[in-house]
Amino acid sequence: MHLPQWPIDRLRRRRPELRHKAFALIETIGARQRVTHVSPEAPAGIFPGMTPAEAKAHHAGLICLPESPADDARSLEALGRWLMRFSPNVCLYPPSSLFLDATGLQRLFGGLDQLRRRVAHALAKLGISAEIAIAPTPGAAWALAAFGRGDLRIVGGGELLDALAALPPEAMRLDRMTVEMLAALGIRSIGSLLKLPRDDLAVRFGRVILQRIDQATGAVHEPLTFLEYHAPILANVEFDGAIESLQTIHLALRQLVAEVARQLAGRGLGARELRMTFRPPYAPIVEKVVGLARPSRDESALFNLLCCATEAVETREGFIAAGLSATRIERLGDEQPALIGGEEERNAAELDHLLERLRARLEGAVQWAELVESHVPEQSFRCRENPVVSDVRAGGAAVFRPICLLPAPRAIRVIVMPSDSRDGLPISFTDQGEVHRLAHVFGPERITGQWWNGRWKTRDYFDVLDAMGNRYWLFRVADTGRWFMHGVFE
């Protein structure tokens, strides 16, 4: 199975707004950029290998996005596990191909052609372009899927060589240099390649080309590493009748948590996301999803977290069944608490537990902050839905910043000393009609922002304390001399 537009299709599934739009994926290596994949809607003059500037010259409205091979690989594995519904043995062949073992499946699906059609139809419903071929060997199946033409997609052992003869040498999964050398010799098909003496091929191109030929023709066996099947981690319970009591629901939930934790412990895993389902007798299923900042299989912690999430669950008819599943899991090792020290790790764990409980109660209203490389304070972080794994042991210089930043810097009026100096220290400021006389001033700390952001360039920050004991974070724009309040120390 070959997915010719896999990075394009994956990105469109993740970002539906890109459907029916022309866009290209860009690879960046140092200071060089080039186009690697182009959507079918892009003009014919845009092709992989061009620079983004050349591509935009052909189509000014072309959307350029960075490629992500790591995301492509993770999604390919997820797709492979999804395809296990058709075959228990699925092997990944990065960057954009998979092998499905069809041995013995013809009786289950009513023939190999029916199997191929069902897989193609399922992938089409997912919006994934796929070329599927069935052959006696993995090498031949990949060659027919990636380079085959016409309806010759299912090949038996007796017609294998005839089916491969018309394909180009690239279909043998040879490296680019070997293909170019074969083209220079006038070898443009597998049929012509197979007519050459094997000893001459080995001397000129090495043993790899003979190995690929033997694997495709079935002369030698090609071992495949199939994905390991993981049964879903879930637990369900059905009640004799509809129950409405929250205490009874919690008793059932405790049993479900114990069963899920037992399955997680058996595999050495921890849950990063749990999904609860409650089934009313005459209403749609109620679902609650709880995310965790770090993998865990602690029954007590998981139960308390799920209880927070079920506080807002209401139904008039009650529930007749409940279920719990671990939808995201990660490897979890045994940790030994430090006998001396370890305070930072414990504090980080407590903060993660607090955020988990808040998110469970507020249903996603709480987000995690992620640091971003930027000297401008309001651009040095961003919020994200998923937790951010940070190394609490990472050291660095202590920089004092206010915990509370204003949504946007607020303009204020400031009196400086000396009054006729643009570089004077502030002695008082007026904010929203209120005058603050300053008792202590620390600074300035100069922060230079991005030059392309107009007037928000060089700033001089001051940590000030007024006569009432309130502490503020002020800055002066060096280019304009205007003053702003940016934060409040608490």
Protein backbone atom coordinates (compact mmCIF):
# COMPACT_ATOMS: atom_id res chain seq x y z
CA MET A 1 0.00 0.00 0.00
CA HIS A 2 1.48 3.31 -1.12
CA LEU A 3 0.18 6.71 0.03
CA PRO A 4 1.42 9.17 -2.61
CA GLN A 5 0.02 12.27 -0.88
CA TRP A 6 0.45 11.18 2.73
CA PRO A 7 1.87 14.44 4.23
CA ILE A 8 -0.78 16.45 2.35
CA ASP A 9 -3.64 14.16 3.39
CA ARG A 10 -2.47 14.02 7.02
CA LEU A 11 -2.32 17.79 7.28
CA ARG A 12 -5.77 18.18 5.72
CA ARG A 13 -7.28 15.77 8.21
CA ARG A 14 -5.73 17.80 11.03
CA ARG A 15 -6.65 21.17 9.50
CA PRO A 16 -9.92 20.90 7.54
CA GLU A 17 -9.65 24.55 6.43
CA LEU A 18 -6.90 23.48 4.01
CA ARG A 19 -9.25 21.31 1.96
CA HIS A 20 -9.57 22.39 -1.68
CA LYS A 21 -6.77 24.93 -1.20
CA ALA A 22 -3.41 25.09 -2.92
CA PHE A 23 -0.56 24.71 -0.47
CA ALA A 24 2.96 23.34 -0.33
CA LEU A 25 5.12 21.84 2.40
CA ILE A 26 8.53 23.41 2.90
CA GLU A 27 11.71 21.74 4.16
CA THR A 28 14.22 24.00 5.91
CA ILE A 29 17.87 22.95 6.16
CA GLY A 30 19.97 25.73 7.61
CA ALA A 31 19.23 28.83 5.55
CA ARG A 32 17.97 26.85 2.56
CA GLN A 33 14.31 26.11 1.90
CA ARG A 34 12.73 23.90 -0.73
CA VAL A 35 9.30 22.52 -1.59
CA THR A 36 8.87 18.83 -0.71
CA HIS A 37 5.15 18.18 -1.30
CA VAL A 38 2.49 20.02 -3.27
CA SER A 39 -1.29 19.68 -2.98
CA PRO A 40 -3.20 18.60 -6.12
CA GLU A 41 -4.91 22.02 -6.34
CA ALA A 42 -1.58 23.79 -6.93
CA PRO A 43 -0.72 24.81 -10.52
CA ALA A 44 1.23 22.34 -12.63
CA GLY A 45 4.28 24.62 -12.66
CA ILE A 46 4.90 24.04 -8.95
CA PHE A 47 6.82 20.87 -8.14
CA PRO A 48 9.06 19.51 -5.35
CA GLY A 49 12.56 20.92 -5.33
CA MET A 50 11.58 24.52 -6.01
CA THR A 51 12.21 27.31 -3.55
CA PRO A 52 9.18 28.93 -1.90
CA ALA A 53 9.85 32.16 -3.82
CA GLU A 54 9.77 30.31 -7.14
CA ALA A 55 6.57 28.53 -6.15
CA LYS A 56 4.85 31.77 -5.15
CA ALA A 57 5.91 33.31 -8.47
CA HIS A 58 3.70 30.73 -10.19
CA HIS A 59 0.80 31.17 -7.75
CA ALA A 60 0.73 34.19 -5.43
CA GLY A 61 -2.01 32.65 -3.27
CA LEU A 62 -0.01 29.50 -2.54
CA ILE A 63 0.04 28.64 1.18
CA CYS A 64 3.49 27.55 2.39
CA LEU A 65 3.63 25.40 5.52
CA PRO A 66 6.58 23.71 7.23
CA GLU A 67 6.78 19.96 6.83
CA SER A 68 6.80 17.71 9.89
CA PRO A 69 8.33 14.27 9.26
CA ALA A 70 7.95 13.33 12.93
CA ASP A 71 4.19 13.97 12.85
CA ASP A 72 3.95 12.08 9.55
CA ALA A 73 5.67 9.06 11.11
CA ARG A 74 3.45 9.09 14.21
CA SER A 75 0.30 9.40 12.12
CA LEU A 76 1.47 6.60 9.82
CA GLU A 77 1.79 4.30 12.83
CA ALA A 78 -1.68 5.33 14.00
CA LEU A 79 -3.05 4.57 10.53
CA GLY A 80 -1.31 1.19 10.60
CA ARG A 81 -2.97 0.29 13.87
CA TRP A 82 -6.32 1.40 12.45
CA LEU A 83 -5.77 -0.91 9.45
CA MET A 84 -5.46 -3.88 11.81
CA ARG A 85 -9.23 -4.22 11.43
CA PHE A 86 -8.51 -5.68 7.98
CA SER A 87 -5.35 -7.67 8.73
CA PRO A 88 -3.74 -8.56 12.06
CA ASN A 89 -0.27 -8.14 10.55
CA VAL A 90 0.59 -4.59 9.48
CA CYS A 91 4.12 -3.39 8.78
CA LEU A 92 5.21 0.24 8.36
CA TYR A 93 7.42 1.19 5.44
CA PRO A 94 8.26 4.88 5.96
CA PRO A 95 7.88 7.49 4.83
CA SER A 96 4.52 6.78 3.15
CA SER A 97 3.86 3.06 2.66
CA LEU A 98 2.50 0.09 4.60
CA PHE A 99 2.38 -3.68 4.14
CA LEU A 100 -0.68 -5.74 5.08
CA ASP A 101 -0.34 -9.51 5.25
CA ALA A 102 -3.28 -10.88 3.23
CA THR A 103 -2.48 -14.55 3.84
CA GLY A 104 -5.73 -16.46 4.44
CA LEU A 105 -7.95 -13.36 4.28
CA GLN A 106 -9.56 -14.17 0.94
CA ARG A 107 -12.06 -16.52 2.60
CA LEU A 108 -12.92 -13.93 5.23
CA PHE A 109 -13.57 -11.09 2.76
CA GLY A 110 -14.83 -13.12 -0.19
CA GLY A 111 -11.68 -12.84 -2.29
CA LEU A 112 -8.58 -10.70 -2.53
CA ASP A 113 -10.26 -8.22 -4.86
CA GLN A 114 -12.99 -7.60 -2.30
CA LEU A 115 -10.34 -7.07 0.38
CA ARG A 116 -8.54 -4.54 -1.79
CA ARG A 117 -11.77 -2.69 -2.57
CA ARG A 118 -12.82 -2.50 1.07
CA VAL A 119 -9.46 -1.15 2.19
CA ALA A 120 -9.44 1.41 -0.63
CA HIS A 121 -13.00 2.49 0.19
CA ALA A 122 -12.19 2.85 3.91
CA LEU A 123 -9.14 5.01 3.19
CA ALA A 124 -11.10 7.13 0.71
CA LYS A 125 -13.69 7.86 3.40
CA LEU A 126 -10.83 9.07 5.60
CA GLY A 127 -9.69 11.40 2.82
CA ILE A 128 -6.45 9.49 2.23
CA SER A 129 -5.22 8.82 -1.31
CA ALA A 130 -3.90 5.27 -1.60
CA GLU A 131 -2.60 2.92 -4.28
CA ILE A 132 -3.12 -0.72 -3.25
CA ALA A 133 -1.71 -3.81 -4.90
CA ILE A 134 -1.60 -7.48 -3.90
CA ALA A 135 1.31 -9.68 -4.89
CA PRO A 136 3.13 -12.79 -3.59
CA THR A 137 6.09 -10.74 -2.25
CA PRO A 138 6.26 -7.41 -0.37
CA GLY A 139 8.71 -5.97 -2.90
CA ALA A 140 6.45 -6.77 -5.85
CA ALA A 141 3.36 -5.46 -4.06
CA TRP A 142 5.09 -2.15 -3.31
CA ALA A 143 6.39 -1.86 -6.88
CA LEU A 144 2.92 -2.39 -8.36
CA ALA A 145 1.31 0.01 -5.88
CA ALA A 146 3.85 2.81 -6.32
CA PHE A 147 4.59 2.49 -10.05
CA GLY A 148 1.91 0.23 -11.49
CA ARG A 149 -0.44 1.48 -14.18
CA GLY A 150 -3.89 0.34 -15.21
CA ASP A 151 -5.99 -2.26 -13.39
CA LEU A 152 -3.13 -4.73 -12.80
CA ARG A 153 -3.28 -4.58 -9.01
CA ILE A 154 -3.62 -8.26 -8.08
CA VAL A 155 -0.86 -10.51 -9.37
CA GLY A 156 -0.35 -14.23 -8.85
CA GLY A 157 2.91 -16.13 -8.74
CA GLY A 158 2.77 -17.22 -12.37
CA GLU A 159 2.41 -13.70 -13.77
CA LEU A 160 4.73 -11.91 -11.36
CA LEU A 161 7.70 -11.44 -13.70
CA ASP A 162 5.49 -10.22 -16.57
CA ALA A 163 3.83 -7.67 -14.27
CA LEU A 164 7.20 -6.33 -13.04
CA ALA A 165 8.89 -6.24 -16.46
CA ALA A 166 7.34 -2.95 -17.60
CA LEU A 167 8.00 -1.06 -14.36
CA PRO A 168 10.99 1.32 -13.99
CA PRO A 169 14.04 0.26 -11.95
CA GLU A 170 12.97 2.65 -9.13
CA ALA A 171 10.21 0.16 -8.35
CA MET A 172 12.88 -2.23 -7.00
CA ARG A 173 13.48 0.20 -4.09
CA LEU A 174 16.97 1.11 -5.27
CA ASP A 175 18.85 4.21 -4.15
CA ARG A 176 18.91 7.29 -6.35
CA MET A 177 22.54 6.91 -7.44
CA THR A 178 21.97 3.36 -8.64
CA VAL A 179 18.87 4.40 -10.60
CA GLU A 180 20.79 7.22 -12.29
CA MET A 181 23.63 4.88 -13.23
CA LEU A 182 21.16 2.39 -14.70
CA ALA A 183 19.51 5.18 -16.70
CA ALA A 184 22.91 6.23 -18.05
CA LEU A 185 23.39 2.64 -19.27
CA GLY A 186 19.98 2.68 -20.98
CA ILE A 187 18.28 0.38 -18.44
CA ARG A 188 14.82 1.89 -18.05
CA SER A 189 12.70 -1.11 -17.08
CA ILE A 190 12.90 -4.06 -14.70
CA GLY A 191 12.64 -6.41 -17.66
CA SER A 192 15.85 -5.03 -19.11
CA LEU A 193 17.47 -5.15 -15.69
CA LEU A 194 16.65 -8.86 -15.22
CA LYS A 195 18.32 -9.71 -18.54
CA LEU A 196 21.72 -8.50 -17.34
CA PRO A 197 24.17 -11.06 -15.87
CA ARG A 198 23.94 -11.19 -12.09
CA ASP A 199 27.71 -11.25 -11.63
CA ASP A 200 28.10 -8.05 -13.63
CA LEU A 201 25.35 -6.35 -11.59
CA ALA A 202 27.06 -7.32 -8.33
CA VAL A 203 30.44 -6.03 -9.49
CA ARG A 204 29.10 -2.71 -10.76
CA PHE A 205 26.30 -1.92 -8.27
CA GLY A 206 26.97 -4.09 -5.21
CA ARG A 207 25.02 -6.90 -3.58
CA VAL A 208 22.06 -4.70 -2.63
CA ILE A 209 20.63 -4.68 -6.15
CA LEU A 210 20.66 -8.49 -6.27
CA GLN A 211 18.98 -8.62 -2.87
CA ARG A 212 16.19 -6.32 -4.05
CA ILE A 213 15.68 -8.37 -7.22
CA ASP A 214 15.51 -11.63 -5.27
CA GLN A 215 13.10 -10.14 -2.71
CA ALA A 216 10.76 -8.85 -5.41
CA THR A 217 10.77 -12.08 -7.42
CA GLY A 218 10.49 -14.33 -4.36
CA ALA A 219 13.91 -15.96 -4.68
CA VAL A 220 14.65 -15.01 -1.06
CA HIS A 221 12.33 -14.27 1.82
CA GLU A 222 11.97 -10.66 2.97
CA PRO A 223 11.21 -10.50 6.72
CA LEU A 224 8.77 -7.85 7.86
CA THR A 225 8.46 -6.37 11.35
CA PHE A 226 4.77 -6.14 12.11
CA LEU A 227 3.21 -3.73 14.57
CA GLU A 228 2.61 -5.25 17.94
CA TYR A 229 -1.08 -5.55 18.69
CA HIS A 230 -2.24 -3.79 21.84
CA ALA A 231 -5.67 -4.62 23.13
CA PRO A 232 -7.59 -1.51 24.24
CA ILE A 233 -7.43 -0.74 27.94
CA LEU A 234 -11.02 -0.41 29.08
CA ALA A 235 -13.56 -1.56 31.63
CA ASN A 236 -17.36 -1.57 31.58
CA VAL A 237 -20.11 -2.19 34.05
CA GLU A 238 -23.88 -2.60 33.57
CA PHE A 239 -26.42 -1.89 36.27
CA ASP A 240 -29.56 -3.88 37.05
CA GLY A 241 -31.58 -0.70 36.66
CA ALA A 242 -31.15 3.02 36.12
CA ILE A 243 -29.21 4.64 38.94
CA GLU A 244 -29.24 8.36 39.73
CA SER A 245 -27.27 8.52 42.98
CA LEU A 246 -23.87 10.11 42.59
CA GLN A 247 -22.51 7.95 45.41
CA THR A 248 -23.53 4.79 43.57
CA ILE A 249 -21.90 6.09 40.40
CA HIS A 250 -18.71 6.72 42.35
CA LEU A 251 -18.75 3.14 43.68
CA ALA A 252 -18.98 1.82 40.14
CA LEU A 253 -16.31 4.28 39.05
CA ARG A 254 -13.95 2.98 41.73
CA GLN A 255 -14.32 -0.55 40.33
CA LEU A 256 -13.65 0.69 36.80
CA VAL A 257 -10.54 2.58 37.91
CA ALA A 258 -9.21 -0.49 39.70
CA GLU A 259 -9.65 -2.62 36.57
CA VAL A 260 -8.03 -0.04 34.27
CA ALA A 261 -5.13 0.45 36.71
CA ARG A 262 -4.60 -3.32 36.82
CA GLN A 263 -4.38 -3.49 33.02
CA LEU A 264 -1.98 -0.54 32.93
CA ALA A 265 0.26 -2.10 35.58
CA GLY A 266 0.36 -5.38 33.64
CA ARG A 267 1.80 -3.58 30.62
CA GLY A 268 4.05 -1.16 32.50
CA LEU A 269 2.06 1.83 31.20
CA GLY A 270 0.44 4.94 32.61
CA ALA A 271 -2.65 6.79 31.41
CA ARG A 272 -2.34 10.28 29.93
CA GLU A 273 -6.01 10.57 28.98
CA LEU A 274 -9.10 8.82 30.33
CA ARG A 275 -12.53 8.71 28.73
CA MET A 276 -15.64 8.03 30.80
CA THR A 277 -18.94 7.04 29.20
CA PHE A 278 -22.35 6.96 30.87
CA ARG A 279 -25.31 5.42 29.05
CA PRO A 280 -28.80 6.66 29.93
CA PRO A 281 -31.75 4.44 29.03
CA TYR A 282 -33.38 6.81 26.49
CA ALA A 283 -30.77 9.47 25.72
CA PRO A 284 -27.42 9.80 23.96
CA ILE A 285 -24.30 8.59 25.71
CA VAL A 286 -22.64 11.13 28.01
CA GLU A 287 -18.87 11.34 27.68
CA LYS A 288 -16.23 12.99 29.84
CA VAL A 289 -12.56 13.20 28.88
CA VAL A 290 -9.89 13.84 31.52
CA GLY A 291 -6.29 14.67 30.59
CA LEU A 292 -3.30 14.12 32.84
CA ALA A 293 -0.12 16.15 32.91
CA ARG A 294 2.03 13.05 33.40
CA PRO A 295 1.32 9.31 32.96
CA SER A 296 -0.17 7.68 36.03
CA ARG A 297 -1.80 4.45 37.17
CA ASP A 298 -2.32 5.45 40.81
CA GLU A 299 -5.85 4.27 41.64
CA SER A 300 -6.45 6.87 44.34
CA ALA A 301 -5.24 9.81 42.23
CA LEU A 302 -7.19 8.69 39.15
CA PHE A 303 -10.36 8.10 41.15
CA ASN A 304 -10.24 11.53 42.80
CA LEU A 305 -9.63 13.15 39.43
CA LEU A 306 -12.57 11.36 37.80
CA CYS A 307 -14.82 12.28 40.73
CA CYS A 308 -14.06 15.95 40.03
CA ALA A 309 -15.08 15.46 36.41
CA THR A 310 -18.37 13.74 37.29
CA GLU A 311 -19.61 16.48 39.60
CA ALA A 312 -21.33 18.24 36.68
CA VAL A 313 -22.85 15.07 35.17
CA GLU A 314 -26.64 15.24 35.35
CA THR A 315 -29.44 13.08 33.98
CA ARG A 316 -33.12 12.73 34.73
CA GLU A 317 -33.44 9.08 33.77
CA GLY A 318 -30.24 7.87 35.45
CA PHE A 319 -27.64 5.56 33.91
CA ILE A 320 -27.85 1.90 33.03
CA ALA A 321 -24.16 1.39 32.16
CA ALA A 322 -20.78 3.07 32.58
CA GLY A 323 -17.37 2.59 31.01
CA LEU A 324 -13.82 3.81 31.41
CA SER A 325 -11.00 3.60 28.85
CA ALA A 326 -7.44 4.85 28.62
CA THR A 327 -7.36 6.60 25.26
CA ARG A 328 -3.75 7.84 25.58
CA ILE A 329 -1.08 5.78 27.30
CA GLU A 330 2.67 6.08 27.80
CA ARG A 331 5.45 3.96 29.19
CA LEU A 332 5.75 4.45 32.95
CA GLY A 333 8.81 3.43 34.93
CA ASP A 334 9.05 2.92 38.66
CA GLU A 335 10.30 6.06 40.39
CA GLN A 336 12.07 6.09 43.74
CA PRO A 337 11.56 9.28 45.76
CA ALA A 338 14.73 11.05 46.70
CA LEU A 339 15.72 10.64 50.33
CA ILE A 340 17.54 13.97 50.33
CA GLY A 341 16.29 16.85 48.22
CA GLY A 342 13.80 16.28 45.42
CA GLU A 343 11.69 19.23 46.55
CA GLU A 344 11.47 20.67 43.04
CA GLU A 345 10.20 17.38 41.61
CA ARG A 346 7.55 17.10 44.31
CA ASN A 347 6.45 20.68 43.75
CA ALA A 348 6.15 20.08 40.00
CA ALA A 349 4.05 16.97 40.63
CA GLU A 350 1.73 18.87 42.99
CA LEU A 351 1.29 21.63 40.42
CA ASP A 352 0.44 19.07 37.74
CA HIS A 353 -2.16 17.44 40.02
CA LEU A 354 -3.70 20.84 40.74
CA LEU A 355 -3.98 21.64 37.03
CA GLU A 356 -5.52 18.23 36.36
CA ARG A 357 -8.22 18.78 38.99
CA LEU A 358 -8.96 22.29 37.74
CA ARG A 359 -9.27 21.08 34.15
CA ALA A 360 -11.52 18.23 35.23
CA ARG A 361 -13.84 20.60 37.09
CA LEU A 362 -13.76 23.46 34.58
CA GLU A 363 -13.85 21.22 31.47
CA GLY A 364 -10.82 22.52 29.63
CA ALA A 365 -11.02 26.17 30.70
CA VAL A 366 -7.52 25.81 32.19
CA GLN A 367 -4.60 25.58 29.79
CA TRP A 368 -0.91 24.89 30.14
CA ALA A 369 1.66 27.58 29.45
CA GLU A 370 4.65 26.90 27.25
CA LEU A 371 7.76 29.06 27.11
CA VAL A 372 8.64 30.55 23.71
CA GLU A 373 12.02 31.96 22.77
CA SER A 374 11.37 35.71 22.76
CA HIS A 375 12.79 38.68 24.66
CA VAL A 376 9.45 40.52 24.51
CA PRO A 377 7.63 39.51 27.73
CA GLU A 378 4.10 39.25 26.27
CA GLN A 379 5.41 37.00 23.47
CA SER A 380 7.58 34.73 25.61
CA PHE A 381 4.83 32.19 26.28
CA ARG A 382 1.79 30.63 24.67
CA CYS A 383 -1.11 28.53 25.88
CA ARG A 384 -1.83 25.03 24.66
CA GLU A 385 -4.40 22.34 25.35
CA ASN A 386 -1.93 19.55 26.07
CA PRO A 387 0.43 19.57 29.03
CA VAL A 388 4.00 20.69 28.51
CA VAL A 389 6.73 18.45 29.84
CA SER A 390 9.45 20.61 31.33
CA ASP A 391 12.68 19.74 33.07
CA VAL A 392 12.46 21.16 36.58
CA ARG A 393 16.17 20.60 37.02
CA ALA A 394 17.10 23.01 34.24
CA GLY A 395 19.01 25.85 35.74
CA GLY A 396 19.46 29.44 34.67
CA ALA A 397 19.95 32.96 35.89
CA ALA A 398 17.29 34.24 38.26
CA VAL A 399 15.20 36.88 36.49
CA PHE A 400 12.43 38.53 38.50
CA ARG A 401 9.21 38.94 36.55
CA PRO A 402 5.69 39.73 37.76
CA ILE A 403 3.31 36.78 37.82
CA CYS A 404 0.45 38.95 36.57
CA LEU A 405 0.97 40.65 33.19
CA LEU A 406 -1.68 42.99 31.82
CA PRO A 407 -3.48 41.77 28.67
CA ALA A 408 -1.80 44.67 26.88
CA PRO A 409 0.64 47.32 28.17
CA ARG A 410 -1.35 50.32 29.49
CA ALA A 411 -0.17 53.86 28.80
CA ILE A 412 0.62 55.92 31.92
CA ARG A 413 1.95 59.41 32.69
CA VAL A 414 5.32 59.49 34.50
CA ILE A 415 7.41 62.19 36.17
CA VAL A 416 11.14 61.52 36.00
CA MET A 417 14.17 62.95 37.75
CA PRO A 418 15.79 65.00 36.31
CA SER A 419 12.65 66.25 34.61
CA ASP A 420 14.37 67.39 31.41
CA SER A 421 16.08 64.05 30.77
CA ARG A 422 14.70 61.31 28.51
CA ASP A 423 16.76 58.79 30.51
CA GLY A 424 15.72 59.93 34.00
CA LEU A 425 14.45 57.63 36.74
CA PRO A 426 10.69 57.67 37.49
CA ILE A 427 9.65 59.28 40.78
CA SER A 428 5.85 59.07 40.32
CA PHE A 429 3.26 57.94 37.77
CA THR A 430 -0.44 58.43 37.14
CA ASP A 431 -2.54 55.42 36.14
CA GLN A 432 -6.28 55.81 35.42
CA GLY A 433 -6.40 59.05 37.39
CA GLU A 434 -4.59 57.68 40.46
CA VAL A 435 -1.19 59.12 41.39
CA HIS A 436 1.49 56.73 42.70
CA ARG A 437 4.53 58.25 44.37
CA LEU A 438 7.47 55.89 44.20
CA ALA A 439 9.58 54.97 47.21
CA HIS A 440 12.01 52.60 45.50
CA VAL A 441 13.04 52.17 41.85
CA PHE A 442 15.16 49.35 40.47
CA GLY A 443 16.38 49.50 36.87
CA PRO A 444 16.52 50.03 34.06
CA GLU A 445 16.60 46.61 32.38
CA ARG A 446 16.85 47.09 28.64
CA ILE A 447 14.90 44.67 26.42
CA THR A 448 15.11 44.98 22.65
CA GLY A 449 12.20 43.52 20.67
CA GLN A 450 11.88 42.61 17.01
CA TRP A 451 12.76 45.43 14.64
CA TRP A 452 9.83 44.57 12.35
CA ASN A 453 7.20 45.30 15.01
CA GLY A 454 7.06 49.04 14.44
CA ARG A 455 7.17 51.27 17.52
CA TRP A 456 7.52 48.39 20.00
CA LYS A 457 11.29 48.31 19.83
CA THR A 458 13.74 48.99 22.65
CA ARG A 459 12.21 49.10 26.14
CA ASP A 460 13.69 50.14 29.48
CA TYR A 461 11.93 48.25 32.31
CA PHE A 462 11.74 49.46 35.92
CA ASP A 463 10.73 47.50 38.99
CA VAL A 464 9.09 50.15 41.21
CA LEU A 465 7.51 50.27 44.68
CA ASP A 466 5.08 53.04 45.61
CA ALA A 467 4.52 54.59 49.02
CA MET A 468 1.57 52.24 49.73
CA GLY A 469 3.74 49.15 49.30
CA ASN A 470 2.41 48.21 45.85
CA ARG A 471 4.95 46.92 43.34
CA TYR A 472 4.64 47.49 39.58
CA TRP A 473 6.54 46.74 36.39
CA LEU A 474 6.88 49.80 34.15
CA PHE A 475 8.74 50.39 30.92
CA ARG A 476 9.71 53.31 28.74
CA VAL A 477 9.92 53.04 24.94
CA ALA A 478 13.36 54.37 24.08
CA ASP A 479 12.34 55.60 20.61
CA THR A 480 9.28 57.60 21.65
CA GLY A 481 9.82 58.28 25.37
CA ARG A 482 6.30 57.00 26.19
CA TRP A 483 5.66 55.10 29.43
CA PHE A 484 3.54 51.98 29.97
CA MET A 485 2.57 49.70 32.82
CA HIS A 486 3.10 46.05 31.93
CA GLY A 487 2.54 44.06 35.11
CA VAL A 488 1.82 43.97 38.83
CA PHE A 489 3.86 42.02 41.39
CA GLU A 490 1.74 40.09 43.85
